[in-house]
N, C-alpha and C. Protein backbone atom coordinates (compact mmCIF):
# COMPACT_ATOMS: atom_id res chain seq x y z
N MET A 1 11.35 17.88 3.97
CA MET A 1 11.49 16.92 2.88
C MET A 1 10.16 16.74 2.17
N LYS A 2 10.20 16.72 0.84
CA LYS A 2 8.97 16.56 0.05
C LYS A 2 8.80 15.09 -0.32
N ILE A 3 7.71 14.51 0.17
CA ILE A 3 7.44 13.09 -0.01
C ILE A 3 6.24 12.91 -0.93
N GLY A 4 6.41 12.09 -1.96
CA GLY A 4 5.30 11.70 -2.82
C GLY A 4 4.77 10.35 -2.37
N LEU A 5 3.49 10.27 -2.08
CA LEU A 5 2.87 9.02 -1.63
C LEU A 5 2.20 8.34 -2.81
N TYR A 6 2.66 7.12 -3.08
CA TYR A 6 2.16 6.34 -4.22
C TYR A 6 1.45 5.12 -3.63
N PHE A 7 0.13 5.19 -3.55
CA PHE A 7 -0.67 4.14 -2.91
C PHE A 7 -0.96 3.01 -3.89
N GLY A 8 -1.06 1.79 -3.37
CA GLY A 8 -1.46 0.67 -4.20
C GLY A 8 -1.53 -0.62 -3.39
N THR A 9 -2.23 -1.62 -3.94
CA THR A 9 -2.22 -2.92 -3.28
C THR A 9 -0.91 -3.65 -3.60
N TYR A 10 -0.29 -3.30 -4.74
CA TYR A 10 0.98 -3.93 -5.15
C TYR A 10 0.87 -5.46 -5.06
N ASN A 11 -0.07 -5.97 -5.82
CA ASN A 11 -0.41 -7.39 -5.77
C ASN A 11 -0.27 -8.06 -7.14
N PRO A 12 0.94 -8.18 -7.67
CA PRO A 12 2.25 -7.80 -7.10
C PRO A 12 2.72 -6.46 -7.65
N ILE A 13 3.77 -5.92 -7.02
CA ILE A 13 4.46 -4.76 -7.56
C ILE A 13 5.13 -5.20 -8.85
N HIS A 14 5.14 -4.33 -9.87
CA HIS A 14 5.75 -4.71 -11.15
C HIS A 14 6.59 -3.54 -11.69
N VAL A 15 7.23 -3.75 -12.82
CA VAL A 15 8.14 -2.73 -13.36
C VAL A 15 7.40 -1.44 -13.71
N GLY A 16 6.12 -1.52 -14.05
CA GLY A 16 5.34 -0.31 -14.33
C GLY A 16 5.28 0.60 -13.12
N HIS A 17 5.04 0.01 -11.94
CA HIS A 17 5.03 0.80 -10.70
C HIS A 17 6.38 1.48 -10.48
N LEU A 18 7.45 0.73 -10.72
CA LEU A 18 8.79 1.28 -10.50
C LEU A 18 9.14 2.37 -11.52
N ILE A 19 8.70 2.20 -12.76
CA ILE A 19 8.95 3.23 -13.79
C ILE A 19 8.30 4.54 -13.35
N ILE A 20 7.05 4.47 -12.89
CA ILE A 20 6.34 5.69 -12.46
C ILE A 20 7.00 6.27 -11.20
N ALA A 21 7.26 5.43 -10.19
CA ALA A 21 7.85 5.92 -8.94
C ALA A 21 9.21 6.56 -9.20
N ASN A 22 10.04 5.92 -10.00
CA ASN A 22 11.37 6.45 -10.28
C ASN A 22 11.28 7.75 -11.09
N HIS A 23 10.34 7.79 -12.05
CA HIS A 23 10.17 9.01 -12.84
C HIS A 23 9.79 10.18 -11.92
N MET A 24 8.88 9.93 -10.98
CA MET A 24 8.47 10.98 -10.04
C MET A 24 9.64 11.39 -9.15
N ALA A 25 10.45 10.42 -8.72
CA ALA A 25 11.60 10.72 -7.86
C ALA A 25 12.64 11.55 -8.60
N GLU A 26 12.80 11.30 -9.89
CA GLU A 26 13.87 11.96 -10.65
C GLU A 26 13.42 13.24 -11.37
N PHE A 27 12.16 13.32 -11.77
CA PHE A 27 11.74 14.43 -12.63
C PHE A 27 10.69 15.36 -12.02
N ALA A 28 10.07 14.97 -10.92
CA ALA A 28 9.16 15.88 -10.21
C ALA A 28 9.98 16.50 -9.07
N ASP A 29 9.47 17.54 -8.46
CA ASP A 29 10.24 18.19 -7.38
C ASP A 29 9.98 17.50 -6.03
N LEU A 30 10.19 16.19 -6.01
CA LEU A 30 9.99 15.39 -4.80
C LEU A 30 11.33 14.79 -4.36
N ASP A 31 11.53 14.70 -3.05
CA ASP A 31 12.79 14.15 -2.52
C ASP A 31 12.74 12.63 -2.42
N GLN A 32 11.58 12.12 -2.04
CA GLN A 32 11.42 10.66 -1.90
C GLN A 32 10.02 10.27 -2.35
N ILE A 33 9.90 9.00 -2.74
CA ILE A 33 8.59 8.41 -3.05
C ILE A 33 8.38 7.30 -2.03
N TRP A 34 7.26 7.35 -1.33
CA TRP A 34 6.89 6.27 -0.41
C TRP A 34 5.80 5.46 -1.08
N MET A 35 6.08 4.18 -1.29
CA MET A 35 5.10 3.28 -1.89
C MET A 35 4.26 2.70 -0.75
N VAL A 36 3.05 3.23 -0.61
CA VAL A 36 2.18 2.89 0.51
C VAL A 36 1.36 1.66 0.14
N VAL A 37 1.64 0.56 0.82
CA VAL A 37 0.91 -0.69 0.55
C VAL A 37 -0.44 -0.61 1.25
N THR A 38 -1.50 -0.68 0.44
CA THR A 38 -2.86 -0.62 0.96
C THR A 38 -3.23 -1.97 1.55
N PRO A 39 -3.69 -1.98 2.79
CA PRO A 39 -4.01 -3.28 3.42
C PRO A 39 -5.25 -3.93 2.82
N HIS A 40 -5.34 -5.21 3.12
CA HIS A 40 -6.51 -5.98 2.69
C HIS A 40 -7.71 -5.51 3.50
N ASN A 41 -8.78 -5.19 2.82
CA ASN A 41 -10.01 -4.81 3.50
C ASN A 41 -10.63 -6.07 4.11
N PRO A 42 -10.71 -6.15 5.44
CA PRO A 42 -11.23 -7.38 6.07
C PRO A 42 -12.68 -7.69 5.73
N LEU A 43 -13.41 -6.69 5.24
CA LEU A 43 -14.81 -6.91 4.89
C LEU A 43 -14.97 -7.57 3.52
N LYS A 44 -13.88 -7.60 2.76
CA LYS A 44 -13.95 -8.18 1.42
C LYS A 44 -13.12 -9.45 1.35
N LYS A 45 -13.71 -10.48 0.77
CA LYS A 45 -12.99 -11.73 0.55
C LYS A 45 -12.39 -11.66 -0.84
N LYS A 46 -11.08 -11.61 -0.92
CA LYS A 46 -10.46 -11.53 -2.23
C LYS A 46 -9.37 -12.58 -2.31
N ALA A 47 -9.67 -13.67 -2.98
CA ALA A 47 -8.76 -14.81 -3.02
C ALA A 47 -7.42 -14.48 -3.64
N THR A 48 -7.39 -13.53 -4.59
CA THR A 48 -6.13 -13.26 -5.28
C THR A 48 -5.23 -12.29 -4.54
N LEU A 49 -5.75 -11.65 -3.47
CA LEU A 49 -4.95 -10.66 -2.75
C LEU A 49 -4.07 -11.35 -1.71
N LEU A 50 -2.76 -11.23 -1.89
CA LEU A 50 -1.84 -11.82 -0.93
C LEU A 50 -1.93 -11.08 0.40
N ASP A 51 -1.44 -11.74 1.43
CA ASP A 51 -1.35 -11.17 2.76
C ASP A 51 -0.60 -9.83 2.73
N ASP A 52 -0.97 -8.91 3.61
CA ASP A 52 -0.35 -7.58 3.67
C ASP A 52 1.18 -7.67 3.75
N GLN A 53 1.68 -8.52 4.64
CA GLN A 53 3.14 -8.60 4.85
C GLN A 53 3.85 -9.17 3.62
N GLN A 54 3.21 -10.09 2.90
CA GLN A 54 3.82 -10.64 1.69
C GLN A 54 3.93 -9.57 0.60
N ARG A 55 2.89 -8.75 0.47
CA ARG A 55 2.92 -7.67 -0.52
C ARG A 55 3.94 -6.60 -0.13
N LEU A 56 4.02 -6.30 1.18
CA LEU A 56 5.02 -5.35 1.66
C LEU A 56 6.43 -5.88 1.39
N GLN A 57 6.64 -7.18 1.61
CA GLN A 57 7.95 -7.79 1.35
C GLN A 57 8.34 -7.64 -0.13
N MET A 58 7.38 -7.81 -1.03
CA MET A 58 7.67 -7.65 -2.45
C MET A 58 8.07 -6.21 -2.77
N VAL A 59 7.42 -5.24 -2.11
CA VAL A 59 7.79 -3.83 -2.33
C VAL A 59 9.20 -3.57 -1.80
N TYR A 60 9.54 -4.16 -0.65
CA TYR A 60 10.92 -4.05 -0.14
C TYR A 60 11.91 -4.60 -1.16
N LEU A 61 11.63 -5.80 -1.66
CA LEU A 61 12.54 -6.43 -2.62
C LEU A 61 12.69 -5.59 -3.89
N ALA A 62 11.58 -5.01 -4.34
CA ALA A 62 11.59 -4.25 -5.59
C ALA A 62 12.31 -2.91 -5.47
N THR A 63 12.31 -2.32 -4.28
CA THR A 63 12.80 -0.95 -4.14
C THR A 63 14.17 -0.84 -3.47
N GLU A 64 14.75 -1.96 -3.06
CA GLU A 64 15.99 -1.85 -2.27
C GLU A 64 17.16 -1.23 -3.04
N ASP A 65 17.12 -1.23 -4.37
CA ASP A 65 18.19 -0.61 -5.15
C ASP A 65 17.87 0.83 -5.56
N TYR A 66 16.76 1.38 -5.05
CA TYR A 66 16.34 2.73 -5.39
C TYR A 66 16.34 3.58 -4.10
N PRO A 67 17.41 4.35 -3.85
CA PRO A 67 17.49 5.08 -2.58
C PRO A 67 16.39 6.12 -2.36
N LYS A 68 15.76 6.60 -3.43
CA LYS A 68 14.71 7.62 -3.27
C LYS A 68 13.31 7.01 -3.13
N ILE A 69 13.21 5.67 -3.24
CA ILE A 69 11.90 5.01 -3.18
C ILE A 69 11.87 4.11 -1.95
N LYS A 70 10.88 4.32 -1.09
CA LYS A 70 10.77 3.59 0.18
C LYS A 70 9.42 2.88 0.30
N PRO A 71 9.41 1.65 0.81
CA PRO A 71 8.13 0.98 1.10
C PRO A 71 7.51 1.59 2.36
N SER A 72 6.20 1.60 2.43
CA SER A 72 5.52 2.10 3.63
C SER A 72 4.33 1.20 3.99
N ASP A 73 4.26 0.87 5.27
CA ASP A 73 3.14 0.08 5.79
C ASP A 73 2.25 0.93 6.69
N ILE A 74 2.30 2.24 6.50
CA ILE A 74 1.61 3.19 7.39
C ILE A 74 0.12 2.86 7.53
N GLU A 75 -0.52 2.40 6.45
CA GLU A 75 -1.96 2.14 6.53
C GLU A 75 -2.28 0.84 7.27
N PHE A 76 -1.28 -0.02 7.50
CA PHE A 76 -1.53 -1.25 8.25
C PHE A 76 -1.96 -0.92 9.68
N LYS A 77 -1.50 0.22 10.18
CA LYS A 77 -1.72 0.59 11.58
C LYS A 77 -2.95 1.47 11.77
N LEU A 78 -3.62 1.82 10.68
CA LEU A 78 -4.77 2.73 10.76
C LEU A 78 -6.08 1.95 10.65
N PRO A 79 -7.18 2.54 11.14
CA PRO A 79 -8.48 1.85 11.05
C PRO A 79 -8.86 1.57 9.59
N GLN A 80 -9.59 0.48 9.41
CA GLN A 80 -10.06 0.09 8.08
C GLN A 80 -11.53 0.45 7.94
N PRO A 81 -12.03 0.77 6.77
CA PRO A 81 -11.26 0.91 5.54
C PRO A 81 -10.39 2.17 5.57
N SER A 82 -9.35 2.16 4.76
CA SER A 82 -8.42 3.29 4.72
C SER A 82 -9.00 4.41 3.86
N TYR A 83 -8.99 5.61 4.39
CA TYR A 83 -9.35 6.78 3.61
C TYR A 83 -8.11 7.65 3.50
N THR A 84 -7.79 8.08 2.30
CA THR A 84 -6.57 8.85 2.04
C THR A 84 -6.48 10.08 2.93
N VAL A 85 -7.59 10.76 3.16
CA VAL A 85 -7.58 11.98 3.96
C VAL A 85 -7.13 11.69 5.40
N ILE A 86 -7.51 10.52 5.92
CA ILE A 86 -7.12 10.11 7.28
C ILE A 86 -5.63 9.77 7.31
N THR A 87 -5.17 9.03 6.29
CA THR A 87 -3.76 8.66 6.21
C THR A 87 -2.89 9.91 6.13
N LEU A 88 -3.29 10.87 5.32
CA LEU A 88 -2.53 12.11 5.18
C LEU A 88 -2.46 12.87 6.51
N ALA A 89 -3.57 12.94 7.22
CA ALA A 89 -3.60 13.63 8.52
C ALA A 89 -2.67 12.94 9.51
N HIS A 90 -2.70 11.61 9.51
CA HIS A 90 -1.84 10.82 10.40
C HIS A 90 -0.37 11.06 10.09
N LEU A 91 -0.02 11.04 8.80
CA LEU A 91 1.38 11.25 8.39
C LEU A 91 1.85 12.65 8.74
N GLN A 92 0.99 13.64 8.54
CA GLN A 92 1.37 15.02 8.83
C GLN A 92 1.64 15.21 10.32
N GLU A 93 0.85 14.50 11.13
CA GLU A 93 1.04 14.56 12.59
C GLU A 93 2.33 13.84 13.00
N LYS A 94 2.58 12.69 12.38
CA LYS A 94 3.75 11.88 12.73
C LYS A 94 5.05 12.50 12.21
N TYR A 95 5.00 13.14 11.04
CA TYR A 95 6.18 13.74 10.43
C TYR A 95 5.90 15.21 10.10
N PRO A 96 5.87 16.07 11.13
CA PRO A 96 5.48 17.47 10.89
C PRO A 96 6.43 18.25 9.98
N ASN A 97 7.66 17.79 9.83
CA ASN A 97 8.62 18.51 8.98
C ASN A 97 8.60 18.06 7.52
N HIS A 98 7.77 17.07 7.20
CA HIS A 98 7.66 16.60 5.82
C HIS A 98 6.46 17.25 5.14
N GLU A 99 6.58 17.40 3.85
CA GLU A 99 5.46 17.89 3.04
C GLU A 99 5.00 16.71 2.18
N PHE A 100 3.76 16.28 2.38
CA PHE A 100 3.26 15.09 1.69
C PHE A 100 2.40 15.46 0.48
N SER A 101 2.67 14.79 -0.62
CA SER A 101 1.88 14.94 -1.85
C SER A 101 1.39 13.57 -2.27
N LEU A 102 0.37 13.56 -3.10
CA LEU A 102 -0.14 12.29 -3.64
C LEU A 102 0.37 12.10 -5.06
N ILE A 103 0.57 10.84 -5.42
CA ILE A 103 0.87 10.47 -6.80
C ILE A 103 -0.28 9.60 -7.26
N MET A 104 -0.87 9.95 -8.40
CA MET A 104 -1.99 9.14 -8.89
C MET A 104 -2.03 9.17 -10.41
N GLY A 105 -2.67 8.15 -10.96
CA GLY A 105 -2.88 8.10 -12.39
C GLY A 105 -4.01 9.04 -12.79
N GLU A 106 -3.98 9.43 -14.04
CA GLU A 106 -4.99 10.34 -14.57
C GLU A 106 -6.40 9.76 -14.40
N ASP A 107 -6.51 8.45 -14.44
CA ASP A 107 -7.81 7.79 -14.25
C ASP A 107 -8.37 8.07 -12.85
N ASN A 108 -7.50 8.10 -11.83
CA ASN A 108 -7.95 8.39 -10.47
C ASN A 108 -8.33 9.86 -10.30
N LEU A 109 -7.63 10.74 -11.00
CA LEU A 109 -7.96 12.17 -10.92
C LEU A 109 -9.40 12.41 -11.37
N LYS A 110 -9.84 11.63 -12.34
CA LYS A 110 -11.19 11.81 -12.88
C LYS A 110 -12.27 11.48 -11.86
N THR A 111 -11.92 10.68 -10.84
CA THR A 111 -12.90 10.32 -9.81
C THR A 111 -12.58 10.94 -8.45
N LEU A 112 -11.57 11.81 -8.41
CA LEU A 112 -11.15 12.41 -7.13
C LEU A 112 -12.30 13.10 -6.42
N HIS A 113 -13.20 13.72 -7.17
CA HIS A 113 -14.33 14.44 -6.57
C HIS A 113 -15.26 13.51 -5.79
N LYS A 114 -15.09 12.18 -5.95
CA LYS A 114 -15.92 11.21 -5.21
C LYS A 114 -15.23 10.75 -3.93
N TRP A 115 -13.97 11.14 -3.73
CA TRP A 115 -13.23 10.71 -2.55
C TRP A 115 -13.75 11.43 -1.31
N ARG A 116 -13.62 10.76 -0.17
CA ARG A 116 -14.01 11.38 1.10
C ARG A 116 -13.14 12.61 1.36
N ASN A 117 -13.79 13.74 1.60
CA ASN A 117 -13.12 15.01 1.92
C ASN A 117 -12.03 15.39 0.92
N TYR A 118 -12.31 15.19 -0.36
CA TYR A 118 -11.29 15.48 -1.37
C TYR A 118 -10.89 16.95 -1.35
N GLU A 119 -11.82 17.83 -0.93
CA GLU A 119 -11.50 19.27 -0.87
C GLU A 119 -10.40 19.53 0.14
N VAL A 120 -10.42 18.80 1.26
CA VAL A 120 -9.39 18.94 2.31
C VAL A 120 -8.04 18.49 1.75
N ILE A 121 -8.05 17.40 1.00
CA ILE A 121 -6.80 16.90 0.39
C ILE A 121 -6.24 17.97 -0.54
N LEU A 122 -7.09 18.50 -1.42
CA LEU A 122 -6.64 19.51 -2.38
C LEU A 122 -6.18 20.82 -1.72
N GLU A 123 -6.77 21.12 -0.60
CA GLU A 123 -6.41 22.35 0.10
C GLU A 123 -5.01 22.24 0.72
N ASN A 124 -4.67 21.03 1.17
CA ASN A 124 -3.44 20.85 1.97
C ASN A 124 -2.31 20.10 1.28
N HIS A 125 -2.59 19.50 0.12
CA HIS A 125 -1.57 18.64 -0.50
C HIS A 125 -1.54 18.82 -2.01
N ASN A 126 -0.33 18.76 -2.55
CA ASN A 126 -0.18 18.72 -4.01
C ASN A 126 -0.49 17.32 -4.51
N ILE A 127 -0.93 17.23 -5.74
CA ILE A 127 -1.20 15.93 -6.37
C ILE A 127 -0.43 15.89 -7.68
N TYR A 128 0.41 14.87 -7.80
CA TYR A 128 1.19 14.66 -9.02
C TYR A 128 0.50 13.57 -9.82
N VAL A 129 0.15 13.91 -11.06
CA VAL A 129 -0.66 13.01 -11.89
C VAL A 129 0.18 12.51 -13.07
N TYR A 130 0.18 11.19 -13.25
CA TYR A 130 0.85 10.62 -14.41
C TYR A 130 -0.20 10.15 -15.42
N PRO A 131 0.13 10.17 -16.72
CA PRO A 131 -0.87 9.86 -17.75
C PRO A 131 -1.29 8.39 -17.77
N ARG A 132 -2.55 8.18 -18.07
CA ARG A 132 -3.10 6.84 -18.27
C ARG A 132 -4.00 6.89 -19.50
N ILE A 133 -4.08 5.78 -20.21
CA ILE A 133 -5.01 5.69 -21.33
C ILE A 133 -6.38 5.36 -20.75
N SER A 134 -7.39 6.18 -21.10
CA SER A 134 -8.70 6.00 -20.51
C SER A 134 -9.77 6.54 -21.45
N ASP A 135 -10.96 5.94 -21.38
CA ASP A 135 -12.09 6.41 -22.17
C ASP A 135 -12.96 7.40 -21.41
N GLU A 136 -12.66 7.56 -20.12
CA GLU A 136 -13.45 8.47 -19.27
C GLU A 136 -13.24 9.92 -19.72
N PRO A 137 -14.29 10.74 -19.64
CA PRO A 137 -14.11 12.16 -19.98
C PRO A 137 -13.20 12.84 -18.94
N GLU A 138 -12.42 13.79 -19.40
CA GLU A 138 -11.49 14.50 -18.52
C GLU A 138 -12.23 15.40 -17.55
N ASN A 139 -11.67 15.54 -16.34
CA ASN A 139 -12.19 16.50 -15.38
C ASN A 139 -11.31 17.74 -15.50
N LEU A 140 -11.62 18.60 -16.46
CA LEU A 140 -10.78 19.75 -16.75
C LEU A 140 -10.71 20.74 -15.60
N GLU A 141 -11.79 20.82 -14.83
CA GLU A 141 -11.82 21.74 -13.69
C GLU A 141 -10.74 21.34 -12.68
N LEU A 142 -10.68 20.06 -12.37
CA LEU A 142 -9.66 19.59 -11.42
C LEU A 142 -8.27 19.68 -12.03
N LYS A 143 -8.14 19.36 -13.30
CA LYS A 143 -6.83 19.35 -13.95
C LYS A 143 -6.17 20.72 -13.91
N SER A 144 -6.97 21.78 -13.89
CA SER A 144 -6.41 23.14 -13.88
C SER A 144 -6.25 23.69 -12.45
N HIS A 145 -6.57 22.87 -11.44
CA HIS A 145 -6.42 23.29 -10.04
C HIS A 145 -4.94 23.55 -9.74
N PRO A 146 -4.62 24.60 -8.98
CA PRO A 146 -3.21 24.93 -8.73
C PRO A 146 -2.42 23.86 -7.97
N LYS A 147 -3.11 22.97 -7.28
CA LYS A 147 -2.41 21.91 -6.53
C LYS A 147 -2.21 20.63 -7.38
N ILE A 148 -2.76 20.62 -8.59
CA ILE A 148 -2.62 19.47 -9.48
C ILE A 148 -1.45 19.71 -10.43
N HIS A 149 -0.53 18.77 -10.46
CA HIS A 149 0.65 18.87 -11.33
C HIS A 149 0.67 17.65 -12.26
N VAL A 150 0.38 17.88 -13.52
CA VAL A 150 0.39 16.78 -14.48
C VAL A 150 1.85 16.60 -14.95
N ILE A 151 2.38 15.40 -14.72
CA ILE A 151 3.77 15.11 -15.03
C ILE A 151 3.85 14.33 -16.33
N ASP A 152 4.74 14.72 -17.18
CA ASP A 152 4.92 14.05 -18.47
C ASP A 152 5.73 12.77 -18.26
N ALA A 153 5.08 11.79 -17.66
CA ALA A 153 5.72 10.50 -17.36
C ALA A 153 5.38 9.50 -18.46
N PRO A 154 6.15 8.42 -18.56
CA PRO A 154 5.83 7.39 -19.55
C PRO A 154 4.44 6.79 -19.28
N ILE A 155 3.73 6.45 -20.34
CA ILE A 155 2.45 5.74 -20.18
C ILE A 155 2.78 4.25 -20.10
N VAL A 156 2.42 3.66 -18.96
CA VAL A 156 2.74 2.25 -18.71
C VAL A 156 1.42 1.49 -18.60
N GLU A 157 1.22 0.57 -19.51
CA GLU A 157 -0.02 -0.21 -19.51
C GLU A 157 0.26 -1.66 -19.09
N ILE A 158 0.73 -1.81 -17.86
CA ILE A 158 0.94 -3.14 -17.28
C ILE A 158 0.06 -3.18 -16.05
N SER A 159 -0.67 -4.27 -15.85
CA SER A 159 -1.50 -4.35 -14.66
C SER A 159 -1.14 -5.58 -13.83
N SER A 160 -1.33 -5.45 -12.53
CA SER A 160 -1.11 -6.59 -11.64
C SER A 160 -2.08 -7.71 -11.95
N THR A 161 -3.30 -7.37 -12.37
CA THR A 161 -4.29 -8.39 -12.74
C THR A 161 -3.77 -9.22 -13.91
N PHE A 162 -3.22 -8.56 -14.94
CA PHE A 162 -2.65 -9.26 -16.09
C PHE A 162 -1.53 -10.19 -15.63
N ILE A 163 -0.68 -9.71 -14.74
CA ILE A 163 0.44 -10.52 -14.25
C ILE A 163 -0.07 -11.74 -13.50
N ARG A 164 -1.03 -11.54 -12.59
CA ARG A 164 -1.58 -12.68 -11.83
C ARG A 164 -2.21 -13.70 -12.77
N ASN A 165 -3.01 -13.24 -13.72
CA ASN A 165 -3.66 -14.15 -14.67
C ASN A 165 -2.64 -14.89 -15.51
N SER A 166 -1.58 -14.20 -15.92
CA SER A 166 -0.54 -14.82 -16.75
C SER A 166 0.21 -15.90 -15.96
N ILE A 167 0.50 -15.63 -14.69
CA ILE A 167 1.18 -16.63 -13.85
C ILE A 167 0.29 -17.86 -13.72
N LYS A 168 -1.00 -17.62 -13.49
CA LYS A 168 -1.97 -18.71 -13.34
C LYS A 168 -2.01 -19.58 -14.61
N GLU A 169 -1.85 -18.92 -15.77
CA GLU A 169 -1.87 -19.64 -17.05
C GLU A 169 -0.51 -20.24 -17.41
N GLY A 170 0.48 -20.09 -16.52
CA GLY A 170 1.80 -20.68 -16.77
C GLY A 170 2.66 -19.90 -17.75
N LYS A 171 2.34 -18.63 -17.97
CA LYS A 171 3.12 -17.80 -18.91
C LYS A 171 4.38 -17.28 -18.22
N ASN A 172 5.42 -17.05 -19.01
CA ASN A 172 6.65 -16.46 -18.48
C ASN A 172 6.52 -14.94 -18.57
N ILE A 173 6.35 -14.30 -17.45
CA ILE A 173 6.21 -12.84 -17.43
C ILE A 173 7.36 -12.20 -16.63
N GLN A 174 8.47 -12.89 -16.54
CA GLN A 174 9.61 -12.38 -15.77
C GLN A 174 10.01 -10.95 -16.13
N PRO A 175 10.00 -10.54 -17.42
CA PRO A 175 10.42 -9.18 -17.73
C PRO A 175 9.54 -8.09 -17.11
N LEU A 176 8.33 -8.45 -16.68
CA LEU A 176 7.41 -7.46 -16.13
C LEU A 176 7.60 -7.24 -14.62
N LEU A 177 8.48 -8.04 -14.02
CA LEU A 177 8.67 -7.98 -12.57
C LEU A 177 10.14 -7.76 -12.23
N PRO A 178 10.44 -7.00 -11.17
CA PRO A 178 11.82 -6.96 -10.70
C PRO A 178 12.28 -8.39 -10.38
N ARG A 179 13.54 -8.69 -10.66
CA ARG A 179 14.05 -10.07 -10.53
C ARG A 179 13.75 -10.69 -9.16
N LYS A 180 14.02 -9.94 -8.08
CA LYS A 180 13.82 -10.49 -6.73
C LYS A 180 12.34 -10.73 -6.44
N VAL A 181 11.47 -9.91 -7.02
CA VAL A 181 10.03 -10.11 -6.84
C VAL A 181 9.59 -11.37 -7.57
N TRP A 182 10.09 -11.55 -8.81
CA TRP A 182 9.77 -12.77 -9.55
C TRP A 182 10.22 -14.00 -8.77
N GLU A 183 11.44 -13.97 -8.22
CA GLU A 183 11.96 -15.11 -7.47
C GLU A 183 11.12 -15.40 -6.23
N TYR A 184 10.69 -14.34 -5.55
CA TYR A 184 9.86 -14.48 -4.35
C TYR A 184 8.51 -15.11 -4.70
N ILE A 185 7.89 -14.63 -5.77
CA ILE A 185 6.60 -15.17 -6.23
C ILE A 185 6.75 -16.62 -6.64
N ASP A 186 7.80 -16.91 -7.41
CA ASP A 186 8.02 -18.27 -7.92
C ASP A 186 8.32 -19.23 -6.77
N HIS A 187 9.18 -18.81 -5.86
CA HIS A 187 9.56 -19.65 -4.71
C HIS A 187 8.35 -20.01 -3.84
N ASN A 188 7.43 -19.05 -3.70
CA ASN A 188 6.25 -19.26 -2.84
C ASN A 188 5.03 -19.76 -3.59
N ASN A 189 5.19 -19.98 -4.90
CA ASN A 189 4.06 -20.46 -5.74
C ASN A 189 2.84 -19.55 -5.67
N PHE A 190 3.08 -18.23 -5.58
CA PHE A 190 1.96 -17.29 -5.52
C PHE A 190 1.27 -17.20 -6.88
N TYR A 191 -0.02 -16.97 -6.83
CA TYR A 191 -0.90 -16.68 -7.99
C TYR A 191 -1.05 -17.87 -8.94
N LYS A 192 -0.59 -19.05 -8.56
CA LYS A 192 -0.65 -20.18 -9.51
C LYS A 192 -2.01 -20.85 -9.53
N LYS A 193 -2.82 -20.64 -8.51
CA LYS A 193 -4.15 -21.25 -8.49
C LYS A 193 -5.22 -20.18 -8.69
């Protein structure tokens, strides 16, 4: 089975994440998309970052109607800080019959050369890249790598930071969130302070 790993803090997960994940599930040659919730780095104090389990719960709520999209807490069980190369090695060991690929925005591809052991990732895994609007210069060398697949996905300019700030300001941003995620956030008064 070909699995696309879509990493994020998902603080909160929003319709932009789902548009990208669903596009990859339907239009790339992937069987499933696992939305990997990145845990809170214990060395960093981040007041706006919800607890790991709360963010995972929102991903469950957001994806339950999408059979090809699954939440994953795999990094919760690994040493911190999380390095993608370690997570990939762990997954390959745990699921030897799966083929794991990464899903990332074009902005992340531009800094991939700074990732720990990025050469090992490129040697062993495909990377599916979706477009992002960015002022950074393109890394054309990486973009033409045989393991890099640029997917003609919709450009989605919604950020979790914008959503958190808007909730704090009392704005109605319901259309930007899956209904059950909005209800969960509203019920728990998340991001209001």
